[in-house]
Amino acid sequence: MKKPDELPEIMQVVAEFIGNQLMADGIEDRRAVDLGLKCAHAVMTAIGGDNVYIPKGFFFKYTKRDLEIARLFGQVSMREICDKYDITSRRVYQIINAVHNGVEVPTQLDLFPAEEEEAVVDRD
């Protein structure tokens, strides 16, 4: 396995980030660094040479936020919700309506698109 300074720069960043996260979770420093390097090598092996887009996760952040707002609605005042999430009461009502009606984000792709059913012809 390569040493940290022998890795490409972006993979050094990945290894360091993972190691720091593990240390923050209480993993012993040397072990955390080793695991960070192993993870970086695993990423290089799995997707090395490809261009990879890593999303910031805004969709998941806002989905989680919206579910939390729906949970809080009726338990705390509208003012508290608006202040906590820095949104207007109108936006709170839009979120509540969307969550209760199961409205999907328009840009979200269907995970399991319906396939066209083929007609079965009985030839007996």
Foldseek 3Di string as FASTA:
>chain_A
DDDLVPDPPVLNVQLVVQLVVVVVVPDDNVVSSVVSNVVSVVCCVVQNPDDDDDDPCPVVVVVVLLVVLLVCVPVDDLVVNCVVVVHDSVVSVVSNVCVVVVPDDVVDDDPDDDDDDDDDDDPD
